[in-house]
Each structure stands twice: as C-alpha cells, then as structure tokens.
PDB file of N, CA and C in Angstrom:
ATOM      1  N   MET A   1      -2.679   9.598  23.324  1.00  0.00           N
ATOM      2  CA  MET A   1      -3.762   9.049  22.558  1.00  0.00           C
ATOM      3  C   MET A   1      -4.576  10.140  21.865  1.00  0.00           C
ATOM      4  N   VAL A   2      -4.714  11.274  22.524  1.00  0.00           N
ATOM      5  CA  VAL A   2      -5.470  12.378  21.924  1.00  0.00           C
ATOM      6  C   VAL A   2      -4.749  12.860  20.672  1.00  0.00           C
ATOM      7  N   ALA A   3      -3.425  12.965  20.755  1.00  0.00           N
ATOM      8  CA  ALA A   3      -2.658  13.428  19.598  1.00  0.00           C
ATOM      9  C   ALA A   3      -2.815  12.475  18.419  1.00  0.00           C
ATOM     10  N   LEU A   4      -2.831  11.190  18.685  1.00  0.00           N
ATOM     11  CA  LEU A   4      -3.007  10.204  17.620  1.00  0.00           C
ATOM     12  C   LEU A   4      -4.396  10.342  17.002  1.00  0.00           C
ATOM     13  N   ALA A   5      -5.408  10.547  17.828  1.00  0.00           N
ATOM     14  CA  ALA A   5      -6.771  10.722  17.318  1.00  0.00           C
ATOM     15  C   ALA A   5      -6.863  11.966  16.439  1.00  0.00           C
ATOM     16  N   VAL A   6      -6.248  13.047  16.857  1.00  0.00           N
ATOM     17  CA  VAL A   6      -6.246  14.281  16.060  1.00  0.00           C
ATOM     18  C   VAL A   6      -5.524  14.049  14.743  1.00  0.00           C
ATOM     19  N   TRP A   7      -4.385  13.362  14.796  1.00  0.00           N
ATOM     20  CA  TRP A   7      -3.616  13.079  13.580  1.00  0.00           C
ATOM     21  C   TRP A   7      -4.469  12.259  12.619  1.00  0.00           C
ATOM     22  N   ARG A   8      -5.133  11.215  13.129  1.00  0.00           N
ATOM     23  CA  ARG A   8      -5.972  10.370  12.274  1.00  0.00           C
ATOM     24  C   ARG A   8      -7.145  11.150  11.698  1.00  0.00           C
ATOM     25  N   ASP A   9      -7.728  12.036  12.477  1.00  0.00           N
ATOM     26  CA  ASP A   9      -8.855  12.840  12.004  1.00  0.00           C
ATOM     27  C   ASP A   9      -8.456  13.783  10.880  1.00  0.00           C
ATOM     28  N   ASN A  10      -7.179  14.108  10.792  1.00  0.00           N
ATOM     29  CA  ASN A  10      -6.681  15.028   9.772  1.00  0.00           C
ATOM     30  C   ASN A  10      -6.065  14.311   8.581  1.00  0.00           C
ATOM     31  N   ARG A  11      -6.353  13.018   8.435  1.00  0.00           N
ATOM     32  CA  ARG A  11      -5.853  12.235   7.308  1.00  0.00           C
ATOM     33  C   ARG A  11      -7.001  11.917   6.371  1.00  0.00           C
ATOM     34  N   CYS A  12      -6.717  11.852   5.091  1.00  0.00           N
ATOM     35  CA  CYS A  12      -7.697  11.401   4.101  1.00  0.00           C
ATOM     36  C   CYS A  12      -7.926   9.910   4.334  1.00  0.00           C
ATOM     37  N   ASN A  13      -9.187   9.498   4.415  1.00  0.00           N
ATOM     38  CA  ASN A  13      -9.457   8.090   4.672  1.00  0.00           C
ATOM     39  C   ASN A  13      -9.226   7.215   3.449  1.00  0.00           C
ATOM     40  N   GLN A  14      -8.896   7.818   2.320  1.00  0.00           N
ATOM     41  CA  GLN A  14      -8.617   7.036   1.119  1.00  0.00           C
ATOM     42  C   GLN A  14      -7.110   6.910   0.869  1.00  0.00           C
ATOM     43  N   CYS A  15      -6.400   8.042   0.802  1.00  0.00           N
ATOM     44  CA  CYS A  15      -4.974   7.993   0.466  1.00  0.00           C
ATOM     45  C   CYS A  15      -4.061   8.168   1.670  1.00  0.00           C
ATOM     46  N   GLY A  16      -4.607   8.612   2.800  1.00  0.00           N
ATOM     47  CA  GLY A  16      -3.795   8.800   3.998  1.00  0.00           C
ATOM     48  C   GLY A  16      -3.068  10.127   4.049  1.00  0.00           C
ATOM     49  N   GLY A  17      -3.277  10.972   3.051  1.00  0.00           N
ATOM     50  CA  GLY A  17      -2.601  12.266   3.006  1.00  0.00           C
ATOM     51  C   GLY A  17      -3.149  13.243   4.032  1.00  0.00           C
ATOM     52  N   ASP A  18      -2.354  14.264   4.315  1.00  0.00           N
ATOM     53  CA  ASP A  18      -2.740  15.327   5.246  1.00  0.00           C
ATOM     54  C   ASP A  18      -3.822  16.175   4.585  1.00  0.00           C
ATOM     55  N   LEU A  19      -5.020  16.200   5.172  1.00  0.00           N
ATOM     56  CA  LEU A  19      -6.151  16.902   4.554  1.00  0.00           C
ATOM     57  C   LEU A  19      -5.890  18.388   4.339  1.00  0.00           C
ATOM     58  N   GLU A  20      -5.115  19.013   5.204  1.00  0.00           N
ATOM     59  CA  GLU A  20      -4.819  20.434   5.016  1.00  0.00           C
ATOM     60  C   GLU A  20      -4.102  20.654   3.690  1.00  0.00           C
ATOM     61  N   GLU A  21      -3.210  19.716   3.329  1.00  0.00           N
ATOM     62  CA  GLU A  21      -2.476  19.819   2.071  1.00  0.00           C
ATOM     63  C   GLU A  21      -3.298  19.291   0.900  1.00  0.00           C
ATOM     64  N   THR A  22      -3.911  18.125   1.086  1.00  0.00           N
ATOM     65  CA  THR A  22      -4.567  17.470  -0.054  1.00  0.00           C
ATOM     66  C   THR A  22      -5.873  18.121  -0.480  1.00  0.00           C
ATOM     67  N   THR A  23      -6.472  18.934   0.384  1.00  0.00           N
ATOM     68  CA  THR A  23      -7.709  19.622   0.014  1.00  0.00           C
ATOM     69  C   THR A  23      -7.506  21.103  -0.271  1.00  0.00           C
ATOM     70  N   SER A  24      -6.265  21.560  -0.188  1.00  0.00           N
ATOM     71  CA  SER A  24      -5.971  22.966  -0.426  1.00  0.00           C
ATOM     72  C   SER A  24      -6.169  23.326  -1.893  1.00  0.00           C
ATOM     73  N   GLU A  25      -6.825  24.434  -2.153  1.00  0.00           N
ATOM     74  CA  GLU A  25      -7.007  24.897  -3.532  1.00  0.00           C
ATOM     75  C   GLU A  25      -5.670  25.204  -4.193  1.00  0.00           C
ATOM     76  N   GLU A  26      -4.643  25.444  -3.398  1.00  0.00           N
ATOM     77  CA  GLU A  26      -3.313  25.712  -3.953  1.00  0.00           C
ATOM     78  C   GLU A  26      -2.719  24.468  -4.614  1.00  0.00           C
ATOM     79  N   ASN A  27      -3.315  23.303  -4.398  1.00  0.00           N
ATOM     80  CA  ASN A  27      -2.809  22.051  -4.968  1.00  0.00           C
ATOM     81  C   ASN A  27      -3.811  21.386  -5.901  1.00  0.00           C
ATOM     82  N   ASP A  28      -4.712  22.190  -6.491  1.00  0.00           N
ATOM     83  CA  ASP A  28      -5.778  21.618  -7.322  1.00  0.00           C
ATOM     84  C   ASP A  28      -5.386  21.399  -8.779  1.00  0.00           C
ATOM     85  N   GLY A  29      -4.175  21.754  -9.150  1.00  0.00           N
ATOM     86  CA  GLY A  29      -3.694  21.491 -10.509  1.00  0.00           C
ATOM     87  C   GLY A  29      -4.024  22.549 -11.529  1.00  0.00           C
ATOM     88  N   THR A  30      -4.720  23.619 -11.132  1.00  0.00           N
ATOM     89  CA  THR A  30      -5.012  24.681 -12.082  1.00  0.00           C
ATOM     90  C   THR A  30      -3.740  25.500 -12.317  1.00  0.00           C
ATOM     91  N   PRO A  31      -3.667  26.234 -13.433  1.00  0.00           N
ATOM     92  CA  PRO A  31      -2.455  27.010 -13.730  1.00  0.00           C
ATOM     93  C   PRO A  31      -2.032  27.893 -12.553  1.00  0.00           C
ATOM     94  N   GLY A  32      -0.756  27.831 -12.229  1.00  0.00           N
ATOM     95  CA  GLY A  32      -0.201  28.606 -11.133  1.00  0.00           C
ATOM     96  C   GLY A  32      -0.317  27.918  -9.779  1.00  0.00           C
ATOM     97  N   HIS A  33      -0.948  26.756  -9.741  1.00  0.00           N
ATOM     98  CA  HIS A  33      -1.104  26.001  -8.500  1.00  0.00           C
ATOM     99  C   HIS A  33      -0.297  24.703  -8.571  1.00  0.00           C
ATOM    100  N   GLY A  34      -0.066  24.136  -7.428  1.00  0.00           N
ATOM    101  CA  GLY A  34       0.560  22.825  -7.376  1.00  0.00           C
ATOM    102  C   GLY A  34      -0.404  21.768  -7.899  1.00  0.00           C
ATOM    103  N   ALA A  35       0.138  20.589  -8.178  1.00  0.00           N
ATOM    104  CA  ALA A  35      -0.697  19.501  -8.677  1.00  0.00           C
ATOM    105  C   ALA A  35      -0.125  18.162  -8.222  1.00  0.00           C
ATOM    106  N   TYR A  36      -0.999  17.248  -7.908  1.00  0.00           N
ATOM    107  CA  TYR A  36      -0.577  15.882  -7.623  1.00  0.00           C
ATOM    108  C   TYR A  36      -0.504  15.140  -8.948  1.00  0.00           C
ATOM    109  N   LEU A  37       0.622  14.502  -9.214  1.00  0.00           N
ATOM    110  CA  LEU A  37       0.812  13.751 -10.449  1.00  0.00           C
ATOM    111  C   LEU A  37       1.166  12.309 -10.095  1.00  0.00           C
ATOM    112  N   PRO A  38       0.600  11.355 -10.808  1.00  0.00           N
ATOM    113  CA  PRO A  38       0.902   9.962 -10.514  1.00  0.00           C
ATOM    114  C   PRO A  38       2.327   9.607 -10.933  1.00  0.00           C
ATOM    115  N   LEU A  39       2.969   8.805 -10.124  1.00  0.00           N
ATOM    116  CA  LEU A  39       4.298   8.293 -10.432  1.00  0.00           C
ATOM    117  C   LEU A  39       4.166   6.878 -10.959  1.00  0.00           C
ATOM    118  N   LEU A  40       5.206   6.395 -11.612  1.00  0.00           N
ATOM    119  CA  LEU A  40       5.186   5.006 -12.055  1.00  0.00           C
ATOM    120  C   LEU A  40       5.176   4.104 -10.824  1.00  0.00           C
ATOM    121  N   PRO A  41       4.456   3.008 -10.892  1.00  0.00           N
ATOM    122  CA  PRO A  41       4.417   2.113  -9.735  1.00  0.00           C
ATOM    123  C   PRO A  41       5.752   1.403  -9.548  1.00  0.00           C
ATOM    124  N   ILE A  42       5.988   0.994  -8.327  1.00  0.00           N
ATOM    125  CA  ILE A  42       7.152   0.160  -8.037  1.00  0.00           C
ATOM    126  C   ILE A  42       6.632  -1.182  -7.554  1.00  0.00           C
ATOM    127  N   ARG A  43       7.396  -2.215  -7.761  1.00  0.00           N
ATOM    128  CA  ARG A  43       6.961  -3.550  -7.371  1.00  0.00           C
ATOM    129  C   ARG A  43       7.578  -3.932  -6.036  1.00  0.00           C
ATOM    130  N   CYS A  44       6.728  -4.372  -5.143  1.00  0.00           N
ATOM    131  CA  CYS A  44       7.184  -4.940  -3.883  1.00  0.00           C
ATOM    132  C   CYS A  44       7.329  -6.440  -4.116  1.00  0.00           C
ATOM    133  N   HIS A  45       8.550  -6.930  -4.118  1.00  0.00           N
ATOM    134  CA  HIS A  45       8.795  -8.335  -4.416  1.00  0.00           C
ATOM    135  C   HIS A  45       8.273  -9.247  -3.307  1.00  0.00           C
ATOM    136  N   ARG A  46       8.191  -8.736  -2.111  1.00  0.00           N
ATOM    137  CA  ARG A  46       7.625  -9.520  -1.003  1.00  0.00           C
ATOM    138  C   ARG A  46       6.127  -9.727  -1.233  1.00  0.00           C
ATOM    139  N   CYS A  47       5.416  -8.664  -1.617  1.00  0.00           N
ATOM    140  CA  CYS A  47       3.986  -8.790  -1.917  1.00  0.00           C
ATOM    141  C   CYS A  47       3.758  -9.738  -3.085  1.00  0.00           C
ATOM    142  N   THR A  48       4.650  -9.712  -4.073  1.00  0.00           N
ATOM    143  CA  THR A  48       4.532 -10.611  -5.217  1.00  0.00           C
ATOM    144  C   THR A  48       4.642 -12.060  -4.763  1.00  0.00           C
ATOM    145  N   ALA A  49       5.615 -12.357  -3.896  1.00  0.00           N
ATOM    146  CA  ALA A  49       5.782 -13.721  -3.388  1.00  0.00           C
ATOM    147  C   ALA A  49       4.564 -14.152  -2.575  1.00  0.00           C
ATOM    148  N   LEU A  50       4.023 -13.249  -1.772  1.00  0.00           N
ATOM    149  CA  LEU A  50       2.826 -13.574  -0.995  1.00  0.00           C
ATOM    150  C   LEU A  50       1.645 -13.868  -1.913  1.00  0.00           C
ATOM    151  N   ALA A  51       1.471 -13.054  -2.950  1.00  0.00           N
ATOM    152  CA  ALA A  51       0.362 -13.247  -3.887  1.00  0.00           C
ATOM    153  C   ALA A  51       0.499 -14.571  -4.627  1.00  0.00           C
ATOM    154  N   LYS A  52       1.733 -14.950  -4.977  1.00  0.00           N
ATOM    155  CA  LYS A  52       1.952 -16.236  -5.652  1.00  0.00           C
ATOM    156  C   LYS A  52       1.572 -17.392  -4.732  1.00  0.00           C
ATOM    157  N   SER A  53       1.936 -17.299  -3.468  1.00  0.00           N
ATOM    158  CA  SER A  53       1.596 -18.342  -2.505  1.00  0.00           C
ATOM    159  C   SER A  53       0.082 -18.442  -2.346  1.00  0.00           C
ATOM    160  N   GLU A  54      -0.588 -17.292  -2.235  1.00  0.00           N
ATOM    161  CA  GLU A  54      -2.046 -17.283  -2.096  1.00  0.00           C
ATOM    162  C   GLU A  54      -2.710 -17.912  -3.324  1.00  0.00           C
ATOM    163  N   ALA A  55      -2.236 -17.553  -4.507  1.00  0.00           N
ATOM    164  CA  ALA A  55      -2.806 -18.088  -5.744  1.00  0.00           C
ATOM    165  C   ALA A  55      -2.577 -19.593  -5.835  1.00  0.00           C
ATOM    166  N   HIS A  56      -1.407 -20.056  -5.430  1.00  0.00           N
ATOM    167  CA  HIS A  56      -1.079 -21.485  -5.478  1.00  0.00           C
ATOM    168  C   HIS A  56      -2.075 -22.296  -4.651  1.00  0.00           C
ATOM    169  N   TYR A  57      -2.322 -21.884  -3.435  1.00  0.00           N
ATOM    170  CA  TYR A  57      -3.228 -22.629  -2.571  1.00  0.00           C
ATOM    171  C   TYR A  57      -4.687 -22.453  -2.984  1.00  0.00           C
ATOM    172  N   ARG A  58      -5.016 -21.319  -3.569  1.00  0.00           N
ATOM    173  CA  ARG A  58      -6.369 -21.123  -4.085  1.00  0.00           C
ATOM    174  C   ARG A  58      -6.595 -22.075  -5.264  1.00  0.00           C
ATOM    175  N   ASP A  59      -5.574 -22.207  -6.146  1.00  0.00           N
ATOM    176  CA  ASP A  59      -5.672 -23.094  -7.300  1.00  0.00           C
ATOM    177  C   ASP A  59      -5.745 -24.561  -6.889  1.00  0.00           C
ATOM    178  N   LEU A  60      -5.153 -24.902  -5.755  1.00  0.00           N
ATOM    179  CA  LEU A  60      -5.201 -26.287  -5.262  1.00  0.00           C
ATOM    180  C   LEU A  60      -6.546 -26.618  -4.613  1.00  0.00           C
ATOM    181  N   LYS A  61      -7.398 -25.612  -4.517  1.00  0.00           N
ATOM    182  CA  LYS A  61      -8.683 -25.770  -3.844  1.00  0.00           C
ATOM    183  C   LYS A  61      -8.480 -26.247  -2.406  1.00  0.00           C
ATOM    184  N   ALA A  62      -7.496 -25.650  -1.728  1.00  0.00           N
ATOM    185  CA  ALA A  62      -7.218 -25.988  -0.336  1.00  0.00           C
ATOM    186  C   ALA A  62      -8.443 -25.688   0.513  1.00  0.00           C
ATOM    187  N   GLU A  63      -8.631 -26.490   1.541  1.00  0.00           N
ATOM    188  CA  GLU A  63      -9.762 -26.262   2.434  1.00  0.00           C
ATOM    189  C   GLU A  63      -9.558 -24.952   3.176  1.00  0.00           C
ATOM    190  N   HIS A  64     -10.534 -24.073   3.103  1.00  0.00           N
ATOM    191  CA  HIS A  64     -10.518 -22.765   3.762  1.00  0.00           C
ATOM    192  C   HIS A  64      -9.226 -21.979   3.472  1.00  0.00           C
ATOM    193  N   PRO A  65      -8.947 -21.681   2.204  1.00  0.00           N
ATOM    194  CA  PRO A  65      -7.703 -20.963   1.881  1.00  0.00           C
ATOM    195  C   PRO A  65      -7.619 -19.587   2.535  1.00  0.00           C
ATOM    196  N   HIS A  66      -8.770 -19.000   2.854  1.00  0.00           N
ATOM    197  CA  HIS A  66      -8.766 -17.687   3.509  1.00  0.00           C
ATOM    198  C   HIS A  66      -8.173 -17.771   4.916  1.00  0.00           C
ATOM    199  N   ALA A  67      -8.117 -18.961   5.479  1.00  0.00           N
ATOM    200  CA  ALA A  67      -7.591 -19.126   6.833  1.00  0.00           C
ATOM    201  C   ALA A  67      -6.083 -19.360   6.857  1.00  0.00           C
ATOM    202  N   LEU A  68      -5.477 -19.520   5.695  1.00  0.00           N
ATOM    203  CA  LEU A  68      -4.034 -19.743   5.640  1.00  0.00           C
ATOM    204  C   LEU A  68      -3.299 -18.421   5.837  1.00  0.00           C
ATOM    205  N   ILE A  69      -2.259 -18.463   6.616  1.00  0.00           N
ATOM    206  CA  ILE A  69      -1.405 -17.288   6.828  1.00  0.00           C
ATOM    207  C   ILE A  69      -0.150 -17.509   5.993  1.00  0.00           C
ATOM    208  N   HIS A  70      -0.047 -16.747   4.928  1.00  0.00           N
ATOM    209  CA  HIS A  70       1.083 -16.906   4.015  1.00  0.00           C
ATOM    210  C   HIS A  70       2.277 -16.119   4.536  1.00  0.00           C
ATOM    211  N   ARG A  71       3.434 -16.762   4.470  1.00  0.00           N
ATOM    212  CA  ARG A  71       4.660 -16.120   4.944  1.00  0.00           C
ATOM    213  C   ARG A  71       5.736 -16.282   3.882  1.00  0.00           C
ATOM    214  N   VAL A  72       6.630 -15.344   3.827  1.00  0.00           N
ATOM    215  CA  VAL A  72       7.784 -15.429   2.926  1.00  0.00           C
ATOM    216  C   VAL A  72       9.022 -15.018   3.709  1.00  0.00           C
ATOM    217  N   GLU A  73      10.175 -15.427   3.197  1.00  0.00           N
ATOM    218  CA  GLU A  73      11.422 -15.003   3.810  1.00  0.00           C
ATOM    219  C   GLU A  73      12.402 -14.633   2.712  1.00  0.00           C
ATOM    220  N   LEU A  74      13.271 -13.733   3.022  1.00  0.00           N
ATOM    221  CA  LEU A  74      14.279 -13.271   2.067  1.00  0.00           C
ATOM    222  C   LEU A  74      15.494 -14.183   2.144  1.00  0.00           C
ATOM    223  N   HIS A  75      15.860 -14.736   1.013  1.00  0.00           N
ATOM    224  CA  HIS A  75      17.066 -15.552   0.937  1.00  0.00           C
ATOM    225  C   HIS A  75      18.139 -14.732   0.230  1.00  0.00           C
ATOM    226  N   PRO A  76      19.313 -14.578   0.838  1.00  0.00           N
ATOM    227  CA  PRO A  76      20.371 -13.815   0.183  1.00  0.00           C
ATOM    228  C   PRO A  76      20.881 -14.592  -1.042  1.00  0.00           C
ATOM    229  N   PRO A  77      21.499 -13.881  -1.982  1.00  0.00           N
ATOM    230  CA  PRO A  77      22.002 -14.566  -3.171  1.00  0.00           C
ATOM    231  C   PRO A  77      23.099 -15.569  -2.795  1.00  0.00           C
ATOM    232  N   ARG A  78      23.132 -16.651  -3.541  1.00  0.00           N
ATOM    233  CA  ARG A  78      24.177 -17.657  -3.319  1.00  0.00           C
ATOM    234  C   ARG A  78      25.473 -17.163  -3.904  1.00  0.00           C
ATOM    235  N   ILE A  79      26.531 -17.350  -3.164  1.00  0.00           N
ATOM    236  CA  ILE A  79      27.866 -16.975  -3.654  1.00  0.00           C
ATOM    237  C   ILE A  79      28.572 -18.248  -4.053  1.00  0.00           C
ATOM    238  N   ALA A  80      28.940 -18.324  -5.325  1.00  0.00           N
ATOM    239  CA  ALA A  80      29.552 -19.554  -5.845  1.00  0.00           C
ATOM    240  C   ALA A  80      31.006 -19.670  -5.426  1.00  0.00           C
TER     241      ALA A  80
END
C-alpha cells in the first residue's frame, strides 16, 4: 500500500503522467529539449455506444436518467 501511495503522489493529478518526467525542464519544448506534442485523437467505439444510450434516455426525459447504468456489448460481425 505504501508503494501505491508513493506512485500516486508522483503522478500529475491532471494527465496522470510521471511528475519527474512531465515537469523536467528537459521536456519543456525549448530548442534542444524534448517536447510533448498532441496526437490525433482515436475513437473508442464502446464509449460512443455508451454516450448514444445516455443521450437517448436523456432525450426521452426518463425519470432520474443519472441513475441509469448504461451497458453495451460487442457483437461479432455476421457471417453470411
């Protein structure tokens, strides 16, 4: 448990990165230093399905939509 606490204490509370690396001046993006660069986003299709389900029930004005637990399952492709 102590090791987990130490690990958590050394993480950025915003991005989860290792503070020793993410706060190092060697990675500040100035000439001759490393730099963090944004990558193109990727889509999680499971999150998309969950968001669609949440929006559907919100649009229906379901009673207490915040209390609904949305679930999805992966269906393999149909083979004809």
